[in-house]
N, C-alpha and C. Protein backbone atom coordinates (compact mmCIF):
# COMPACT_ATOMS: atom_id res chain seq x y z
N UNK A 1 -9.50 15.80 -5.77
CA UNK A 1 -10.27 14.58 -5.86
C UNK A 1 -9.31 13.39 -5.98
N UNK A 2 -9.60 12.34 -5.25
CA UNK A 2 -8.76 11.15 -5.27
C UNK A 2 -9.08 10.29 -6.49
N UNK A 3 -8.05 9.74 -7.10
CA UNK A 3 -8.18 9.00 -8.35
C UNK A 3 -9.17 7.84 -8.26
N UNK A 4 -9.05 7.01 -7.23
CA UNK A 4 -9.89 5.83 -7.10
C UNK A 4 -10.75 5.86 -5.85
N UNK A 5 -11.00 7.05 -5.30
CA UNK A 5 -11.83 7.16 -4.11
C UNK A 5 -11.04 6.89 -2.85
N UNK A 6 -11.73 6.41 -1.84
CA UNK A 6 -11.11 6.20 -0.55
C UNK A 6 -11.07 7.51 0.23
N UNK A 7 -10.11 7.61 1.12
CA UNK A 7 -9.94 8.84 1.89
C UNK A 7 -8.49 9.27 1.84
N UNK A 8 -8.25 10.53 2.03
CA UNK A 8 -6.89 11.06 2.06
C UNK A 8 -6.13 10.41 3.22
N UNK A 9 -4.91 10.00 2.98
CA UNK A 9 -4.08 9.38 4.02
C UNK A 9 -3.72 10.40 5.09
N UNK A 10 -3.65 9.93 6.33
CA UNK A 10 -3.23 10.79 7.43
C UNK A 10 -1.73 11.04 7.34
N UNK A 11 -1.25 11.91 8.17
CA UNK A 11 0.18 12.22 8.20
C UNK A 11 1.00 10.96 8.50
N UNK A 12 0.57 10.17 9.46
CA UNK A 12 1.29 8.93 9.80
C UNK A 12 1.28 7.95 8.64
N UNK A 13 0.16 7.84 7.95
CA UNK A 13 0.06 6.93 6.81
C UNK A 13 0.94 7.41 5.66
N UNK A 14 0.97 8.72 5.42
CA UNK A 14 1.85 9.27 4.37
C UNK A 14 3.31 9.02 4.72
N UNK A 15 3.67 9.20 5.98
CA UNK A 15 5.05 8.96 6.43
C UNK A 15 5.44 7.51 6.17
N UNK A 16 4.55 6.58 6.53
CA UNK A 16 4.81 5.15 6.31
C UNK A 16 4.99 4.86 4.81
N UNK A 17 4.11 5.42 4.00
CA UNK A 17 4.18 5.20 2.55
C UNK A 17 5.49 5.71 1.96
N UNK A 18 5.85 6.93 2.31
CA UNK A 18 7.06 7.52 1.77
C UNK A 18 8.30 6.75 2.21
N UNK A 19 8.33 6.33 3.46
CA UNK A 19 9.47 5.55 3.95
C UNK A 19 9.55 4.21 3.22
N UNK A 20 8.41 3.53 3.10
CA UNK A 20 8.40 2.22 2.46
C UNK A 20 8.85 2.32 1.00
N UNK A 21 8.31 3.26 0.26
CA UNK A 21 8.65 3.41 -1.15
C UNK A 21 10.11 3.83 -1.32
N UNK A 22 10.63 4.58 -0.38
CA UNK A 22 12.02 5.04 -0.50
C UNK A 22 13.02 3.88 -0.49
N UNK A 23 12.63 2.76 0.08
CA UNK A 23 13.53 1.59 0.09
C UNK A 23 13.72 0.99 -1.31
N UNK A 24 12.87 1.39 -2.26
CA UNK A 24 12.95 0.86 -3.62
C UNK A 24 13.49 1.90 -4.61
N UNK A 25 13.98 3.01 -4.10
CA UNK A 25 14.45 4.10 -4.95
C UNK A 25 15.92 4.37 -4.72
N UNK A 26 16.60 4.76 -5.78
CA UNK A 26 18.00 5.13 -5.65
C UNK A 26 18.16 6.58 -5.20
N UNK A 27 17.11 7.36 -5.34
CA UNK A 27 17.14 8.78 -4.97
C UNK A 27 15.99 9.10 -4.03
N UNK A 28 16.04 8.53 -2.84
CA UNK A 28 14.96 8.65 -1.87
C UNK A 28 14.60 10.10 -1.55
N UNK A 29 15.60 10.95 -1.48
CA UNK A 29 15.38 12.34 -1.05
C UNK A 29 14.56 13.14 -2.07
N UNK A 30 14.40 12.64 -3.27
CA UNK A 30 13.68 13.39 -4.30
C UNK A 30 12.23 12.92 -4.48
N UNK A 31 11.85 11.85 -3.81
CA UNK A 31 10.49 11.32 -3.97
C UNK A 31 9.46 12.22 -3.31
N UNK A 32 8.31 12.34 -3.96
CA UNK A 32 7.17 13.06 -3.40
C UNK A 32 5.92 12.24 -3.67
N UNK A 33 4.92 12.43 -2.82
CA UNK A 33 3.65 11.76 -3.04
C UNK A 33 2.67 12.75 -3.66
N UNK A 34 2.30 12.50 -4.91
CA UNK A 34 1.30 13.33 -5.56
C UNK A 34 -0.09 13.00 -5.03
N UNK A 35 -0.25 11.75 -4.58
CA UNK A 35 -1.52 11.30 -4.00
C UNK A 35 -1.25 10.13 -3.07
N UNK A 36 -1.93 10.12 -1.94
CA UNK A 36 -1.89 8.98 -1.01
C UNK A 36 -3.30 8.81 -0.48
N UNK A 37 -3.97 7.76 -0.94
CA UNK A 37 -5.37 7.52 -0.56
C UNK A 37 -5.52 6.14 0.07
N UNK A 38 -6.12 6.09 1.23
CA UNK A 38 -6.43 4.81 1.87
C UNK A 38 -7.70 4.30 1.22
N UNK A 39 -7.59 3.16 0.54
CA UNK A 39 -8.74 2.59 -0.17
C UNK A 39 -9.58 1.71 0.74
N UNK A 40 -8.93 0.90 1.57
CA UNK A 40 -9.65 -0.04 2.43
C UNK A 40 -8.80 -0.41 3.63
N UNK A 41 -9.47 -0.86 4.67
CA UNK A 41 -8.80 -1.52 5.79
C UNK A 41 -9.57 -2.81 6.05
N UNK A 42 -8.86 -3.83 6.55
CA UNK A 42 -9.58 -5.07 6.84
C UNK A 42 -9.78 -5.21 8.35
N UNK A 43 -10.45 -6.26 8.75
CA UNK A 43 -10.80 -6.48 10.15
C UNK A 43 -9.59 -6.70 11.05
N UNK A 44 -8.44 -6.99 10.45
CA UNK A 44 -7.24 -7.31 11.23
C UNK A 44 -6.22 -6.19 11.21
N UNK A 45 -6.61 -5.02 10.72
CA UNK A 45 -5.73 -3.86 10.77
C UNK A 45 -4.89 -3.61 9.54
N UNK A 46 -5.02 -4.45 8.51
CA UNK A 46 -4.28 -4.19 7.28
C UNK A 46 -4.85 -2.95 6.61
N UNK A 47 -3.98 -2.22 5.93
CA UNK A 47 -4.38 -0.97 5.28
C UNK A 47 -3.91 -1.00 3.83
N UNK A 48 -4.85 -0.79 2.88
CA UNK A 48 -4.50 -0.73 1.47
C UNK A 48 -4.47 0.74 1.04
N UNK A 49 -3.33 1.14 0.47
CA UNK A 49 -3.13 2.52 0.07
C UNK A 49 -2.80 2.59 -1.42
N UNK A 50 -3.44 3.54 -2.10
CA UNK A 50 -3.08 3.84 -3.48
C UNK A 50 -2.19 5.07 -3.46
N UNK A 51 -1.05 4.98 -4.14
CA UNK A 51 -0.11 6.11 -4.21
C UNK A 51 0.14 6.50 -5.65
N UNK A 52 0.35 7.78 -5.82
CA UNK A 52 0.95 8.28 -7.06
C UNK A 52 2.26 8.93 -6.61
N UNK A 53 3.36 8.25 -6.89
CA UNK A 53 4.69 8.72 -6.49
C UNK A 53 5.25 9.58 -7.61
N UNK A 54 5.68 10.76 -7.24
CA UNK A 54 6.25 11.69 -8.21
C UNK A 54 7.77 11.64 -8.08
N UNK A 55 8.42 11.25 -9.17
CA UNK A 55 9.87 11.15 -9.20
C UNK A 55 10.48 12.48 -9.64
N UNK A 56 11.76 12.62 -9.41
CA UNK A 56 12.49 13.85 -9.73
C UNK A 56 12.34 14.26 -11.20
N UNK A 57 12.30 13.28 -12.09
CA UNK A 57 12.21 13.57 -13.52
C UNK A 57 10.79 13.88 -13.99
N UNK A 58 9.84 13.95 -13.04
CA UNK A 58 8.46 14.26 -13.37
C UNK A 58 7.59 13.04 -13.63
N UNK A 59 8.19 11.86 -13.67
CA UNK A 59 7.44 10.63 -13.90
C UNK A 59 6.57 10.32 -12.68
N UNK A 60 5.31 9.97 -12.92
CA UNK A 60 4.42 9.53 -11.86
C UNK A 60 4.28 8.02 -11.92
N UNK A 61 4.39 7.40 -10.77
CA UNK A 61 4.29 5.95 -10.69
C UNK A 61 3.14 5.57 -9.77
N UNK A 62 2.09 4.91 -10.30
CA UNK A 62 0.97 4.50 -9.45
C UNK A 62 1.28 3.16 -8.77
N UNK A 63 1.05 3.11 -7.47
CA UNK A 63 1.36 1.91 -6.70
C UNK A 63 0.22 1.57 -5.74
N UNK A 64 0.09 0.30 -5.44
CA UNK A 64 -0.78 -0.17 -4.36
C UNK A 64 0.12 -0.75 -3.29
N UNK A 65 -0.12 -0.39 -2.05
CA UNK A 65 0.65 -0.94 -0.94
C UNK A 65 -0.34 -1.46 0.09
N UNK A 66 -0.07 -2.64 0.62
CA UNK A 66 -0.83 -3.16 1.74
C UNK A 66 0.12 -3.28 2.93
N UNK A 67 -0.20 -2.52 3.96
CA UNK A 67 0.56 -2.58 5.21
C UNK A 67 -0.14 -3.54 6.15
N UNK A 68 0.64 -4.31 6.89
CA UNK A 68 0.06 -5.18 7.92
C UNK A 68 -0.47 -4.33 9.06
N UNK A 69 0.24 -3.25 9.36
CA UNK A 69 -0.22 -2.27 10.34
C UNK A 69 0.56 -0.98 10.16
N UNK A 70 -0.06 0.11 10.58
CA UNK A 70 0.58 1.42 10.58
C UNK A 70 0.39 2.01 11.96
N UNK A 71 1.48 2.45 12.56
CA UNK A 71 1.46 3.02 13.90
C UNK A 71 1.24 4.53 13.85
N UNK A 72 0.74 5.13 14.92
CA UNK A 72 0.48 6.58 14.95
C UNK A 72 1.71 7.44 14.68
N UNK A 73 2.90 6.90 14.93
CA UNK A 73 4.13 7.68 14.69
C UNK A 73 4.68 7.51 13.28
N UNK A 74 3.97 6.74 12.43
CA UNK A 74 4.42 6.52 11.05
C UNK A 74 5.19 5.22 10.88
N UNK A 75 5.45 4.53 11.98
CA UNK A 75 6.08 3.21 11.89
C UNK A 75 5.08 2.23 11.28
N UNK A 76 5.57 1.13 10.75
CA UNK A 76 4.68 0.20 10.05
C UNK A 76 5.28 -1.18 9.98
N UNK A 77 4.45 -2.14 9.64
CA UNK A 77 4.87 -3.50 9.28
C UNK A 77 4.35 -3.77 7.89
N UNK A 78 5.21 -4.31 7.05
CA UNK A 78 4.83 -4.65 5.68
C UNK A 78 5.53 -5.94 5.29
N UNK A 79 4.85 -6.75 4.53
CA UNK A 79 5.41 -8.03 4.11
C UNK A 79 6.14 -7.93 2.79
N UNK A 80 6.73 -9.06 2.36
CA UNK A 80 7.52 -9.07 1.12
C UNK A 80 6.69 -8.85 -0.15
N UNK A 81 5.37 -9.03 -0.05
CA UNK A 81 4.51 -8.85 -1.23
C UNK A 81 3.61 -7.64 -1.08
N UNK A 82 4.06 -6.65 -0.31
CA UNK A 82 3.22 -5.50 0.04
C UNK A 82 3.03 -4.48 -1.06
N UNK A 83 3.88 -4.48 -2.07
CA UNK A 83 3.83 -3.43 -3.09
C UNK A 83 3.49 -4.01 -4.45
N UNK A 84 2.68 -3.27 -5.21
CA UNK A 84 2.28 -3.70 -6.54
C UNK A 84 2.12 -2.46 -7.41
N UNK A 85 2.69 -2.48 -8.59
CA UNK A 85 2.50 -1.37 -9.52
C UNK A 85 1.07 -1.44 -10.05
N UNK A 86 0.36 -0.34 -9.95
CA UNK A 86 -1.04 -0.29 -10.39
C UNK A 86 -1.11 0.04 -11.87
N UNK A 87 -2.03 -0.60 -12.54
CA UNK A 87 -2.25 -0.34 -13.97
C UNK A 87 -3.72 0.07 -14.15
N UNK A 88 -3.93 1.17 -14.82
CA UNK A 88 -5.28 1.71 -14.97
C UNK A 88 -6.23 0.72 -15.63
N UNK A 89 -5.77 -0.01 -16.63
CA UNK A 89 -6.63 -0.92 -17.38
C UNK A 89 -7.10 -2.11 -16.55
N UNK A 90 -6.34 -2.46 -15.53
CA UNK A 90 -6.70 -3.63 -14.71
C UNK A 90 -6.65 -3.28 -13.23
N UNK A 91 -7.00 -2.05 -12.90
CA UNK A 91 -6.86 -1.60 -11.52
C UNK A 91 -7.66 -2.44 -10.53
N UNK A 92 -8.93 -2.65 -10.79
CA UNK A 92 -9.78 -3.37 -9.83
C UNK A 92 -9.42 -4.85 -9.75
N UNK A 93 -9.01 -5.45 -10.85
CA UNK A 93 -8.51 -6.83 -10.81
C UNK A 93 -7.21 -6.87 -10.01
N UNK A 94 -6.40 -5.84 -10.15
CA UNK A 94 -5.15 -5.74 -9.40
C UNK A 94 -5.39 -5.66 -7.91
N UNK A 95 -6.43 -4.94 -7.51
CA UNK A 95 -6.77 -4.87 -6.09
C UNK A 95 -7.09 -6.26 -5.55
N UNK A 96 -7.92 -6.99 -6.25
CA UNK A 96 -8.30 -8.34 -5.79
C UNK A 96 -7.09 -9.27 -5.74
N UNK A 97 -6.24 -9.20 -6.74
CA UNK A 97 -5.02 -10.00 -6.77
C UNK A 97 -4.12 -9.63 -5.58
N UNK A 98 -3.98 -8.35 -5.32
CA UNK A 98 -3.12 -7.87 -4.24
C UNK A 98 -3.67 -8.28 -2.87
N UNK A 99 -4.97 -8.26 -2.72
CA UNK A 99 -5.59 -8.72 -1.47
C UNK A 99 -5.27 -10.19 -1.23
N UNK A 100 -5.40 -11.01 -2.25
CA UNK A 100 -5.12 -12.44 -2.12
C UNK A 100 -3.67 -12.67 -1.74
N UNK A 101 -2.75 -11.96 -2.39
CA UNK A 101 -1.32 -12.10 -2.10
C UNK A 101 -0.98 -11.72 -0.67
N UNK A 102 -1.78 -10.84 -0.07
CA UNK A 102 -1.49 -10.33 1.27
C UNK A 102 -2.46 -10.84 2.33
N UNK A 103 -3.13 -11.94 2.07
CA UNK A 103 -4.02 -12.62 3.03
C UNK A 103 -5.06 -11.68 3.63
N UNK A 104 -5.65 -10.86 2.78
CA UNK A 104 -6.66 -9.89 3.21
C UNK A 104 -7.80 -10.61 3.92
N UNK A 105 -8.23 -10.10 5.05
CA UNK A 105 -9.31 -10.64 5.88
C UNK A 105 -9.00 -12.01 6.48
N UNK A 106 -7.73 -12.40 6.52
CA UNK A 106 -7.33 -13.63 7.20
C UNK A 106 -6.59 -13.25 8.48
N UNK A 107 -6.83 -13.97 9.56
CA UNK A 107 -6.10 -13.67 10.79
C UNK A 107 -4.59 -13.77 10.56
N UNK A 108 -3.81 -12.88 11.15
CA UNK A 108 -2.36 -12.88 10.92
C UNK A 108 -1.67 -14.18 11.33
N UNK A 109 -2.21 -14.87 12.32
CA UNK A 109 -1.57 -16.10 12.80
C UNK A 109 -2.24 -17.35 12.25
N UNK A 110 -3.05 -17.20 11.22
CA UNK A 110 -3.79 -18.34 10.66
C UNK A 110 -2.83 -19.34 10.02
N UNK A 111 -3.04 -20.58 10.34
CA UNK A 111 -2.30 -21.67 9.73
C UNK A 111 -3.31 -22.69 9.21
N UNK A 112 -3.12 -23.17 8.01
CA UNK A 112 -4.07 -24.15 7.49
C UNK A 112 -3.96 -25.48 8.24
N UNK A 113 -5.10 -26.08 8.49
CA UNK A 113 -5.16 -27.40 9.13
C UNK A 113 -5.83 -28.34 8.14
N UNK A 114 -5.05 -29.24 7.59
CA UNK A 114 -5.57 -30.16 6.61
C UNK A 114 -5.78 -31.52 7.25
N UNK A 115 -6.98 -32.04 7.09
CA UNK A 115 -7.24 -33.39 7.59
C UNK A 115 -6.81 -34.38 6.53
N UNK A 116 -6.00 -35.32 6.95
CA UNK A 116 -5.51 -36.32 6.00
C UNK A 116 -6.31 -37.58 6.06
């Protein structure tokens, strides 16, 4: 059973997640995914994933990642604010905050036009 619902990540999505998270680890070869669940996708192809990363020492780290896109071969695009440590006490508030940080449901090429 998935911790926060959603659906089990596909092989390509798991590959993207593991590769992305490995860039933040000193021991990439020891990382494992205890859980990878796709929580939501938006109209523009962004994908929100909840991960439970299992480290070599047995520590589990819950993370939220928003990818701009994930390719069938496991390749992906992710922005500088794509990762957020999830906290159980504020998980749903964290989702909303993370969506805002990653322009959820906004066109990728959107630019604000302010009338002066």
